[in-house]
Amino acid sequence: PHALERLIAANRSWYDKVQALGGTAYPTGAIAFTQHDWQTHHGTSLTGTRRRYDPHGILGRGLTL
């Protein structure tokens, strides 16, 4: 369990560095995306679209915009 936690923390650290340089990642990996991460990844345009077509938030429950 400790090794896994260290690896996930390392993944997060690398993602933060890459993202700060303008890079991105596919959010299906071992990095737990926060609401801010999702917003940064998708931008503001997806928020309105999602509210319009998925007002009850039933699609992609892990995606919090």
PDB file of N, CA and C in Angstrom:
ATOM      1  N   PRO A   1       0.820  -1.216   0.000  1.00  0.00           N
ATOM      2  CA  PRO A   1       0.000   0.000   0.000  1.00  0.00           C
ATOM      3  C   PRO A   1       0.864   1.281   0.000  1.00  0.00           C
ATOM      4  N   HIS A   2       1.966   1.272   0.748  1.00  0.00           N
ATOM      5  CA  HIS A   2       2.802   2.471   0.811  1.00  0.00           C
ATOM      6  C   HIS A   2       3.490   2.734  -0.527  1.00  0.00           C
ATOM      7  N   ALA A   3       3.927   1.666  -1.170  1.00  0.00           N
ATOM      8  CA  ALA A   3       4.578   1.817  -2.477  1.00  0.00           C
ATOM      9  C   ALA A   3       3.579   2.377  -3.492  1.00  0.00           C
ATOM     10  N   LEU A   4       2.359   1.889  -3.436  1.00  0.00           N
ATOM     11  CA  LEU A   4       1.322   2.365  -4.345  1.00  0.00           C
ATOM     12  C   LEU A   4       1.039   3.846  -4.098  1.00  0.00           C
ATOM     13  N   GLU A   5       0.936   4.235  -2.858  1.00  0.00           N
ATOM     14  CA  GLU A   5       0.703   5.644  -2.522  1.00  0.00           C
ATOM     15  C   GLU A   5       1.839   6.521  -3.038  1.00  0.00           C
ATOM     16  N   ARG A   6       3.073   6.049  -2.898  1.00  0.00           N
ATOM     17  CA  ARG A   6       4.237   6.799  -3.385  1.00  0.00           C
ATOM     18  C   ARG A   6       4.188   6.951  -4.907  1.00  0.00           C
ATOM     19  N   LEU A   7       3.822   5.875  -5.599  1.00  0.00           N
ATOM     20  CA  LEU A   7       3.750   5.922  -7.054  1.00  0.00           C
ATOM     21  C   LEU A   7       2.650   6.867  -7.537  1.00  0.00           C
ATOM     22  N   ILE A   8       1.514   6.829  -6.884  1.00  0.00           N
ATOM     23  CA  ILE A   8       0.412   7.721  -7.253  1.00  0.00           C
ATOM     24  C   ILE A   8       0.802   9.166  -6.973  1.00  0.00           C
ATOM     25  N   ALA A   9       1.478   9.413  -5.857  1.00  0.00           N
ATOM     26  CA  ALA A   9       1.953  10.771  -5.543  1.00  0.00           C
ATOM     27  C   ALA A   9       2.978  11.230  -6.579  1.00  0.00           C
ATOM     28  N   ALA A  10       3.836  10.327  -7.012  1.00  0.00           N
ATOM     29  CA  ALA A  10       4.829  10.665  -8.043  1.00  0.00           C
ATOM     30  C   ALA A  10       4.122  10.992  -9.363  1.00  0.00           C
ATOM     31  N   ASN A  11       3.105  10.213  -9.724  1.00  0.00           N
ATOM     32  CA  ASN A  11       2.331  10.493 -10.933  1.00  0.00           C
ATOM     33  C   ASN A  11       1.722  11.891 -10.867  1.00  0.00           C
ATOM     34  N   ARG A  12       1.164  12.206  -9.710  1.00  0.00           N
ATOM     35  CA  ARG A  12       0.534  13.519  -9.533  1.00  0.00           C
ATOM     36  C   ARG A  12       1.579  14.634  -9.662  1.00  0.00           C
ATOM     37  N   SER A  13       2.726  14.422  -9.078  1.00  0.00           N
ATOM     38  CA  SER A  13       3.795  15.413  -9.141  1.00  0.00           C
ATOM     39  C   SER A  13       4.233  15.659 -10.579  1.00  0.00           C
ATOM     40  N   TRP A  14       4.418  14.590 -11.337  1.00  0.00           N
ATOM     41  CA  TRP A  14       4.809  14.720 -12.739  1.00  0.00           C
ATOM     42  C   TRP A  14       3.706  15.410 -13.536  1.00  0.00           C
ATOM     43  N   TYR A  15       2.455  15.046 -13.288  1.00  0.00           N
ATOM     44  CA  TYR A  15       1.344  15.683 -13.993  1.00  0.00           C
ATOM     45  C   TYR A  15       1.328  17.189 -13.712  1.00  0.00           C
ATOM     46  N   ASP A  16       1.487  17.574 -12.453  1.00  0.00           N
ATOM     47  CA  ASP A  16       1.481  18.995 -12.094  1.00  0.00           C
ATOM     48  C   ASP A  16       2.590  19.746 -12.826  1.00  0.00           C
ATOM     49  N   LYS A  17       3.760  19.144 -12.933  1.00  0.00           N
ATOM     50  CA  LYS A  17       4.874  19.772 -13.643  1.00  0.00           C
ATOM     51  C   LYS A  17       4.568  19.918 -15.133  1.00  0.00           C
ATOM     52  N   VAL A  18       4.043  18.866 -15.724  1.00  0.00           N
ATOM     53  CA  VAL A  18       3.713  18.897 -17.154  1.00  0.00           C
ATOM     54  C   VAL A  18       2.604  19.914 -17.422  1.00  0.00           C
ATOM     55  N   GLN A  19       1.600  19.919 -16.581  1.00  0.00           N
ATOM     56  CA  GLN A  19       0.479  20.836 -16.751  1.00  0.00           C
ATOM     57  C   GLN A  19       0.950  22.286 -16.616  1.00  0.00           C
ATOM     58  N   ALA A  20       1.865  22.562 -15.711  1.00  0.00           N
ATOM     59  CA  ALA A  20       2.402  23.913 -15.536  1.00  0.00           C
ATOM     60  C   ALA A  20       3.146  24.387 -16.777  1.00  0.00           C
ATOM     61  N   LEU A  21       3.657  23.445 -17.556  1.00  0.00           N
ATOM     62  CA  LEU A  21       4.367  23.778 -18.789  1.00  0.00           C
ATOM     63  C   LEU A  21       3.441  23.815 -20.003  1.00  0.00           C
ATOM     64  N   GLY A  22       2.134  23.627 -19.773  1.00  0.00           N
ATOM     65  CA  GLY A  22       1.164  23.694 -20.862  1.00  0.00           C
ATOM     66  C   GLY A  22       0.745  22.345 -21.401  1.00  0.00           C
ATOM     67  N   GLY A  23       1.248  21.279 -20.831  1.00  0.00           N
ATOM     68  CA  GLY A  23       0.893  19.940 -21.288  1.00  0.00           C
ATOM     69  C   GLY A  23      -0.437  19.482 -20.716  1.00  0.00           C
ATOM     70  N   THR A  24      -0.844  18.305 -21.115  1.00  0.00           N
ATOM     71  CA  THR A  24      -2.094  17.728 -20.621  1.00  0.00           C
ATOM     72  C   THR A  24      -1.915  16.227 -20.487  1.00  0.00           C
ATOM     73  N   ALA A  25      -2.899  15.584 -19.952  1.00  0.00           N
ATOM     74  CA  ALA A  25      -2.863  14.131 -19.781  1.00  0.00           C
ATOM     75  C   ALA A  25      -4.271  13.594 -19.965  1.00  0.00           C
ATOM     76  N   TYR A  26      -4.363  12.344 -20.353  1.00  0.00           N
ATOM     77  CA  TYR A  26      -5.666  11.707 -20.395  1.00  0.00           C
ATOM     78  C   TYR A  26      -6.036  11.320 -18.973  1.00  0.00           C
ATOM     79  N   PRO A  27      -7.200  11.748 -18.510  1.00  0.00           N
ATOM     80  CA  PRO A  27      -7.569  11.544 -17.107  1.00  0.00           C
ATOM     81  C   PRO A  27      -8.026  10.126 -16.760  1.00  0.00           C
ATOM     82  N   THR A  28      -7.610   9.151 -17.528  1.00  0.00           N
ATOM     83  CA  THR A  28      -7.979   7.771 -17.226  1.00  0.00           C
ATOM     84  C   THR A  28      -6.856   7.052 -16.494  1.00  0.00           C
ATOM     85  N   GLY A  29      -5.797   7.757 -16.171  1.00  0.00           N
ATOM     86  CA  GLY A  29      -4.640   7.154 -15.516  1.00  0.00           C
ATOM     87  C   GLY A  29      -4.793   7.106 -14.010  1.00  0.00           C
ATOM     88  N   ALA A  30      -3.677   7.026 -13.344  1.00  0.00           N
ATOM     89  CA  ALA A  30      -3.658   6.869 -11.886  1.00  0.00           C
ATOM     90  C   ALA A  30      -3.575   8.205 -11.155  1.00  0.00           C
ATOM     91  N   ILE A  31      -3.975   9.279 -11.829  1.00  0.00           N
ATOM     92  CA  ILE A  31      -3.966  10.589 -11.195  1.00  0.00           C
ATOM     93  C   ILE A  31      -5.406  10.943 -10.850  1.00  0.00           C
ATOM     94  N   ALA A  32      -5.669  11.178  -9.591  1.00  0.00           N
ATOM     95  CA  ALA A  32      -7.020  11.560  -9.175  1.00  0.00           C
ATOM     96  C   ALA A  32      -7.241  13.018  -9.537  1.00  0.00           C
ATOM     97  N   PHE A  33      -8.106  13.277 -10.504  1.00  0.00           N
ATOM     98  CA  PHE A  33      -8.377  14.634 -10.938  1.00  0.00           C
ATOM     99  C   PHE A  33      -9.323  15.317  -9.960  1.00  0.00           C
ATOM    100  N   THR A  34      -8.994  16.546  -9.614  1.00  0.00           N
ATOM    101  CA  THR A  34      -9.861  17.368  -8.774  1.00  0.00           C
ATOM    102  C   THR A  34     -10.811  18.139  -9.686  1.00  0.00           C
ATOM    103  N   GLN A  35     -11.748  18.856  -9.099  1.00  0.00           N
ATOM    104  CA  GLN A  35     -12.663  19.665  -9.895  1.00  0.00           C
ATOM    105  C   GLN A  35     -11.865  20.689 -10.700  1.00  0.00           C
ATOM    106  N   HIS A  36     -10.866  21.303 -10.096  1.00  0.00           N
ATOM    107  CA  HIS A  36     -10.027  22.269 -10.800  1.00  0.00           C
ATOM    108  C   HIS A  36      -9.296  21.612 -11.974  1.00  0.00           C
ATOM    109  N   ASP A  37      -8.796  20.396 -11.774  1.00  0.00           N
ATOM    110  CA  ASP A  37      -8.116  19.675 -12.856  1.00  0.00           C
ATOM    111  C   ASP A  37      -9.049  19.460 -14.041  1.00  0.00           C
ATOM    112  N   TRP A  38     -10.288  19.038 -13.763  1.00  0.00           N
ATOM    113  CA  TRP A  38     -11.256  18.807 -14.837  1.00  0.00           C
ATOM    114  C   TRP A  38     -11.538  20.099 -15.581  1.00  0.00           C
ATOM    115  N   GLN A  39     -11.725  21.189 -14.840  1.00  0.00           N
ATOM    116  CA  GLN A  39     -12.018  22.468 -15.474  1.00  0.00           C
ATOM    117  C   GLN A  39     -10.857  22.918 -16.346  1.00  0.00           C
ATOM    118  N   THR A  40      -9.634  22.745 -15.857  1.00  0.00           N
ATOM    119  CA  THR A  40      -8.458  23.108 -16.633  1.00  0.00           C
ATOM    120  C   THR A  40      -8.340  22.225 -17.864  1.00  0.00           C
ATOM    121  N   HIS A  41      -8.595  20.947 -17.709  1.00  0.00           N
ATOM    122  CA  HIS A  41      -8.469  19.988 -18.803  1.00  0.00           C
ATOM    123  C   HIS A  41      -9.463  20.270 -19.926  1.00  0.00           C
ATOM    124  N   HIS A  42     -10.716  20.550 -19.561  1.00  0.00           N
ATOM    125  CA  HIS A  42     -11.775  20.717 -20.561  1.00  0.00           C
ATOM    126  C   HIS A  42     -12.073  22.165 -20.903  1.00  0.00           C
ATOM    127  N   GLY A  43     -11.679  23.090 -20.078  1.00  0.00           N
ATOM    128  CA  GLY A  43     -11.998  24.495 -20.325  1.00  0.00           C
ATOM    129  C   GLY A  43     -13.421  24.812 -19.914  1.00  0.00           C
ATOM    130  N   THR A  44     -13.814  26.034 -20.110  1.00  0.00           N
ATOM    131  CA  THR A  44     -15.140  26.463 -19.652  1.00  0.00           C
ATOM    132  C   THR A  44     -16.263  26.063 -20.593  1.00  0.00           C
ATOM    133  N   SER A  45     -15.948  25.766 -21.846  1.00  0.00           N
ATOM    134  CA  SER A  45     -17.013  25.456 -22.805  1.00  0.00           C
ATOM    135  C   SER A  45     -17.767  24.178 -22.448  1.00  0.00           C
ATOM    136  N   LEU A  46     -17.088  23.210 -21.873  1.00  0.00           N
ATOM    137  CA  LEU A  46     -17.747  21.946 -21.546  1.00  0.00           C
ATOM    138  C   LEU A  46     -18.745  22.098 -20.402  1.00  0.00           C
ATOM    139  N   THR A  47     -18.502  23.032 -19.504  1.00  0.00           N
ATOM    140  CA  THR A  47     -19.394  23.208 -18.366  1.00  0.00           C
ATOM    141  C   THR A  47     -20.819  23.516 -18.821  1.00  0.00           C
ATOM    142  N   GLY A  48     -20.968  24.489 -19.700  1.00  0.00           N
ATOM    143  CA  GLY A  48     -22.299  24.847 -20.195  1.00  0.00           C
ATOM    144  C   GLY A  48     -22.924  23.729 -20.994  1.00  0.00           C
ATOM    145  N   THR A  49     -22.137  23.070 -21.812  1.00  0.00           N
ATOM    146  CA  THR A  49     -22.636  21.955 -22.616  1.00  0.00           C
ATOM    147  C   THR A  49     -23.121  20.836 -21.713  1.00  0.00           C
ATOM    148  N   ARG A  50     -22.344  20.531 -20.710  1.00  0.00           N
ATOM    149  CA  ARG A  50     -22.746  19.454 -19.806  1.00  0.00           C
ATOM    150  C   ARG A  50     -24.021  19.821 -19.062  1.00  0.00           C
ATOM    151  N   ARG A  51     -24.125  21.037 -18.582  1.00  0.00           N
ATOM    152  CA  ARG A  51     -25.341  21.452 -17.881  1.00  0.00           C
ATOM    153  C   ARG A  51     -26.556  21.372 -18.787  1.00  0.00           C
ATOM    154  N   ARG A  52     -26.354  21.674 -20.061  1.00  0.00           N
ATOM    155  CA  ARG A  52     -27.471  21.639 -20.998  1.00  0.00           C
ATOM    156  C   ARG A  52     -27.920  20.213 -21.310  1.00  0.00           C
ATOM    157  N   TYR A  53     -26.967  19.326 -21.608  1.00  0.00           N
ATOM    158  CA  TYR A  53     -27.317  17.982 -22.063  1.00  0.00           C
ATOM    159  C   TYR A  53     -27.324  16.922 -20.956  1.00  0.00           C
ATOM    160  N   ASP A  54     -26.753  17.255 -19.809  1.00  0.00           N
ATOM    161  CA  ASP A  54     -26.730  16.307 -18.681  1.00  0.00           C
ATOM    162  C   ASP A  54     -27.016  17.073 -17.383  1.00  0.00           C
ATOM    163  N   PRO A  55     -28.200  17.684 -17.292  1.00  0.00           N
ATOM    164  CA  PRO A  55     -28.503  18.554 -16.157  1.00  0.00           C
ATOM    165  C   PRO A  55     -28.498  17.835 -14.802  1.00  0.00           C
ATOM    166  N   HIS A  56     -28.703  16.533 -14.819  1.00  0.00           N
ATOM    167  CA  HIS A  56     -28.728  15.785 -13.565  1.00  0.00           C
ATOM    168  C   HIS A  56     -27.390  15.136 -13.243  1.00  0.00           C
ATOM    169  N   GLY A  57     -26.405  15.331 -14.101  1.00  0.00           N
ATOM    170  CA  GLY A  57     -25.051  14.837 -13.849  1.00  0.00           C
ATOM    171  C   GLY A  57     -24.950  13.323 -13.773  1.00  0.00           C
ATOM    172  N   ILE A  58     -25.677  12.620 -14.644  1.00  0.00           N
ATOM    173  CA  ILE A  58     -25.653  11.151 -14.563  1.00  0.00           C
ATOM    174  C   ILE A  58     -24.570  10.528 -15.431  1.00  0.00           C
ATOM    175  N   LEU A  59     -24.038  11.292 -16.392  1.00  0.00           N
ATOM    176  CA  LEU A  59     -22.999  10.751 -17.279  1.00  0.00           C
ATOM    177  C   LEU A  59     -21.619  11.103 -16.726  1.00  0.00           C
ATOM    178  N   GLY A  60     -20.730  10.163 -16.704  1.00  0.00           N
ATOM    179  CA  GLY A  60     -19.372  10.432 -16.252  1.00  0.00           C
ATOM    180  C   GLY A  60     -19.313  10.977 -14.852  1.00  0.00           C
ATOM    181  N   ARG A  61     -19.833  10.228 -13.898  1.00  0.00           N
ATOM    182  CA  ARG A  61     -19.935  10.714 -12.527  1.00  0.00           C
ATOM    183  C   ARG A  61     -18.601  11.185 -11.933  1.00  0.00           C
ATOM    184  N   GLY A  62     -17.472  10.673 -12.416  1.00  0.00           N
ATOM    185  CA  GLY A  62     -16.187  11.111 -11.894  1.00  0.00           C
ATOM    186  C   GLY A  62     -15.793  12.487 -12.388  1.00  0.00           C
ATOM    187  N   LEU A  63     -16.477  12.947 -13.416  1.00  0.00           N
ATOM    188  CA  LEU A  63     -16.180  14.241 -14.011  1.00  0.00           C
ATOM    189  C   LEU A  63     -16.954  15.328 -13.303  1.00  0.00           C
ATOM    190  N   THR A  64     -16.280  16.127 -12.508  1.00  0.00           N
ATOM    191  CA  THR A  64     -16.962  17.195 -11.763  1.00  0.00           C
ATOM    192  C   THR A  64     -16.530  18.534 -12.314  1.00  0.00           C
ATOM    193  N   LEU A  65     -17.435  19.182 -12.977  1.00  0.00           N
ATOM    194  CA  LEU A  65     -17.148  20.520 -13.518  1.00  0.00           C
ATOM    195  C   LEU A  65     -17.929  21.466 -12.721  1.00  0.00           C
TER     196      LEU A  65
END
